[in-house]
Amino acid sequence: MWRIWRLINPRLAVLGVGLLIAFVSTTIHLIQISGDRYSINNWHPDTAKAAMARVQPQNAALPQK
């Protein structure tokens, strides 16, 4: 097994595994968010109404003082 490290740089191997884990975890996270169970659109109706009440339209005029 020690001979494999003559072919592969250990630092690059650790970096590659870290990037692979980050990519897989991000992908799983995004898949879960896009599903129905964890979707922000399926919140309780009262919570959704409260969230929408706090949101201002994109091009709304600034409030007057």
N, C-alpha and C. Protein backbone atom coordinates (compact mmCIF):
# COMPACT_ATOMS: atom_id res chain seq x y z
N MET A 1 0.82 -1.20 0.00
CA MET A 1 0.00 0.00 0.00
C MET A 1 0.86 1.26 0.00
N TRP A 2 2.01 1.22 0.65
CA TRP A 2 2.85 2.41 0.73
C TRP A 2 3.37 2.83 -0.64
N ARG A 3 3.39 1.91 -1.59
CA ARG A 3 3.91 2.24 -2.92
C ARG A 3 2.96 3.13 -3.72
N ILE A 4 1.69 3.10 -3.35
CA ILE A 4 0.74 3.93 -4.09
C ILE A 4 1.04 5.41 -3.91
N TRP A 5 1.63 5.76 -2.74
CA TRP A 5 1.92 7.17 -2.49
C TRP A 5 3.12 7.66 -3.28
N ARG A 6 3.83 6.73 -3.91
CA ARG A 6 4.88 7.15 -4.85
C ARG A 6 4.27 7.62 -6.16
N LEU A 7 3.10 7.11 -6.49
CA LEU A 7 2.42 7.48 -7.73
C LEU A 7 1.49 8.69 -7.54
N ILE A 8 0.87 8.78 -6.35
CA ILE A 8 -0.13 9.81 -6.09
C ILE A 8 0.40 10.75 -5.00
N ASN A 9 0.31 12.03 -5.24
CA ASN A 9 0.71 13.03 -4.25
C ASN A 9 -0.31 13.02 -3.10
N PRO A 10 0.12 12.76 -1.86
CA PRO A 10 -0.83 12.68 -0.74
C PRO A 10 -1.63 13.96 -0.52
N ARG A 11 -1.00 15.11 -0.72
CA ARG A 11 -1.73 16.37 -0.53
C ARG A 11 -2.85 16.52 -1.55
N LEU A 12 -2.57 16.15 -2.79
CA LEU A 12 -3.61 16.23 -3.82
C LEU A 12 -4.72 15.20 -3.57
N ALA A 13 -4.34 14.05 -3.02
CA ALA A 13 -5.35 13.03 -2.72
C ALA A 13 -6.30 13.52 -1.63
N VAL A 14 -5.74 14.13 -0.58
CA VAL A 14 -6.59 14.65 0.51
C VAL A 14 -7.45 15.79 0.00
N LEU A 15 -6.88 16.67 -0.79
CA LEU A 15 -7.64 17.78 -1.37
C LEU A 15 -8.76 17.26 -2.27
N GLY A 16 -8.45 16.28 -3.10
CA GLY A 16 -9.46 15.70 -3.99
C GLY A 16 -10.60 15.04 -3.23
N VAL A 17 -10.27 14.31 -2.17
CA VAL A 17 -11.32 13.67 -1.37
C VAL A 17 -12.17 14.74 -0.69
N GLY A 18 -11.55 15.79 -0.19
CA GLY A 18 -12.31 16.88 0.43
C GLY A 18 -13.25 17.55 -0.55
N LEU A 19 -12.76 17.81 -1.74
CA LEU A 19 -13.62 18.42 -2.76
C LEU A 19 -14.75 17.49 -3.18
N LEU A 20 -14.46 16.20 -3.26
CA LEU A 20 -15.50 15.23 -3.60
C LEU A 20 -16.59 15.19 -2.53
N ILE A 21 -16.18 15.19 -1.27
CA ILE A 21 -17.16 15.18 -0.17
C ILE A 21 -17.99 16.46 -0.19
N ALA A 22 -17.36 17.61 -0.43
CA ALA A 22 -18.09 18.88 -0.50
C ALA A 22 -19.08 18.88 -1.65
N PHE A 23 -18.68 18.36 -2.80
CA PHE A 23 -19.56 18.30 -3.96
C PHE A 23 -20.76 17.39 -3.70
N VAL A 24 -20.50 16.21 -3.15
CA VAL A 24 -21.59 15.26 -2.89
C VAL A 24 -22.55 15.81 -1.84
N SER A 25 -22.02 16.42 -0.78
CA SER A 25 -22.91 16.95 0.26
C SER A 25 -23.73 18.12 -0.26
N THR A 26 -23.14 18.97 -1.09
CA THR A 26 -23.90 20.08 -1.68
C THR A 26 -24.98 19.57 -2.62
N THR A 27 -24.65 18.56 -3.40
CA THR A 27 -25.64 17.98 -4.31
C THR A 27 -26.81 17.38 -3.54
N ILE A 28 -26.51 16.63 -2.50
CA ILE A 28 -27.58 16.04 -1.68
C ILE A 28 -28.43 17.13 -1.05
N HIS A 29 -27.79 18.18 -0.56
CA HIS A 29 -28.52 19.29 0.04
C HIS A 29 -29.46 19.94 -0.96
N LEU A 30 -28.98 20.20 -2.15
CA LEU A 30 -29.83 20.84 -3.17
C LEU A 30 -30.97 19.93 -3.62
N ILE A 31 -30.72 18.64 -3.67
CA ILE A 31 -31.79 17.70 -4.03
C ILE A 31 -32.86 17.70 -2.95
N GLN A 32 -32.46 17.72 -1.69
CA GLN A 32 -33.45 17.74 -0.62
C GLN A 32 -34.26 19.03 -0.63
N ILE A 33 -33.61 20.15 -0.88
CA ILE A 33 -34.33 21.43 -0.90
C ILE A 33 -35.34 21.46 -2.04
N SER A 34 -35.01 20.84 -3.16
CA SER A 34 -35.91 20.88 -4.30
C SER A 34 -37.09 19.92 -4.15
N GLY A 35 -37.06 19.04 -3.18
CA GLY A 35 -38.15 18.10 -2.98
C GLY A 35 -39.33 18.73 -2.27
N ASP A 36 -40.43 18.01 -2.21
CA ASP A 36 -41.65 18.53 -1.59
C ASP A 36 -41.54 18.60 -0.07
N ARG A 37 -40.83 17.68 0.55
CA ARG A 37 -40.80 17.63 2.00
C ARG A 37 -40.12 18.84 2.63
N TYR A 38 -39.03 19.30 2.03
CA TYR A 38 -38.28 20.41 2.60
C TYR A 38 -38.43 21.70 1.80
N SER A 39 -39.37 21.74 0.90
CA SER A 39 -39.56 22.92 0.06
C SER A 39 -40.13 24.07 0.87
N ILE A 40 -39.62 25.27 0.62
CA ILE A 40 -40.11 26.46 1.32
C ILE A 40 -41.55 26.76 0.91
N ASN A 41 -41.97 26.28 -0.24
CA ASN A 41 -43.33 26.54 -0.72
C ASN A 41 -44.37 25.71 0.01
N ASN A 42 -43.97 24.72 0.77
CA ASN A 42 -44.92 23.86 1.46
C ASN A 42 -44.93 24.13 2.96
N TRP A 43 -44.55 25.32 3.36
CA TRP A 43 -44.62 25.67 4.77
C TRP A 43 -46.07 25.71 5.21
N HIS A 44 -46.26 25.80 6.51
CA HIS A 44 -47.60 25.97 7.05
C HIS A 44 -48.18 27.27 6.48
N PRO A 45 -49.47 27.30 6.15
CA PRO A 45 -50.04 28.50 5.51
C PRO A 45 -49.82 29.79 6.30
N ASP A 46 -49.91 29.72 7.63
CA ASP A 46 -49.71 30.94 8.43
C ASP A 46 -48.28 31.43 8.32
N THR A 47 -47.32 30.51 8.31
CA THR A 47 -45.92 30.89 8.19
C THR A 47 -45.66 31.49 6.81
N ALA A 48 -46.24 30.91 5.79
CA ALA A 48 -46.06 31.44 4.44
C ALA A 48 -46.66 32.83 4.32
N LYS A 49 -47.82 33.06 4.93
CA LYS A 49 -48.45 34.39 4.88
C LYS A 49 -47.58 35.42 5.60
N ALA A 50 -47.03 35.03 6.75
CA ALA A 50 -46.18 35.95 7.50
C ALA A 50 -44.91 36.27 6.71
N ALA A 51 -44.35 35.28 6.04
CA ALA A 51 -43.15 35.52 5.24
C ALA A 51 -43.46 36.42 4.06
N MET A 52 -44.59 36.23 3.43
CA MET A 52 -44.95 37.05 2.28
C MET A 52 -45.29 38.48 2.71
N ALA A 53 -45.81 38.66 3.94
CA ALA A 53 -46.14 40.00 4.41
C ALA A 53 -44.89 40.83 4.62
N ARG A 54 -43.76 40.18 4.97
CA ARG A 54 -42.51 40.89 5.20
C ARG A 54 -41.77 41.23 3.92
N VAL A 55 -42.09 40.56 2.83
CA VAL A 55 -41.37 40.76 1.57
C VAL A 55 -41.96 41.96 0.84
N GLN A 56 -41.07 42.88 0.42
CA GLN A 56 -41.52 44.02 -0.37
C GLN A 56 -41.26 43.72 -1.84
N PRO A 57 -42.07 44.24 -2.71
CA PRO A 57 -41.83 44.03 -4.14
C PRO A 57 -40.46 44.56 -4.55
N GLN A 58 -39.91 44.00 -5.60
CA GLN A 58 -38.55 44.35 -6.04
C GLN A 58 -38.42 45.82 -6.41
N ASN A 59 -39.41 46.35 -7.12
CA ASN A 59 -39.30 47.73 -7.62
C ASN A 59 -40.19 48.69 -6.85
N ALA A 60 -40.46 48.38 -5.60
CA ALA A 60 -41.33 49.25 -4.80
C ALA A 60 -40.60 50.56 -4.49
N ALA A 61 -41.37 51.62 -4.37
CA ALA A 61 -40.80 52.91 -4.01
C ALA A 61 -40.34 52.88 -2.56
N LEU A 62 -39.36 53.68 -2.27
CA LEU A 62 -38.87 53.77 -0.90
C LEU A 62 -39.94 54.42 -0.02
N PRO A 63 -40.06 53.99 1.22
CA PRO A 63 -41.07 54.60 2.09
C PRO A 63 -40.73 56.07 2.38
N GLN A 64 -41.76 56.89 2.44
CA GLN A 64 -41.60 58.32 2.69
C GLN A 64 -41.47 58.56 4.19
N LYS A 65 -40.58 59.49 4.55
CA LYS A 65 -40.37 59.79 5.97
C LYS A 65 -41.31 60.86 6.43
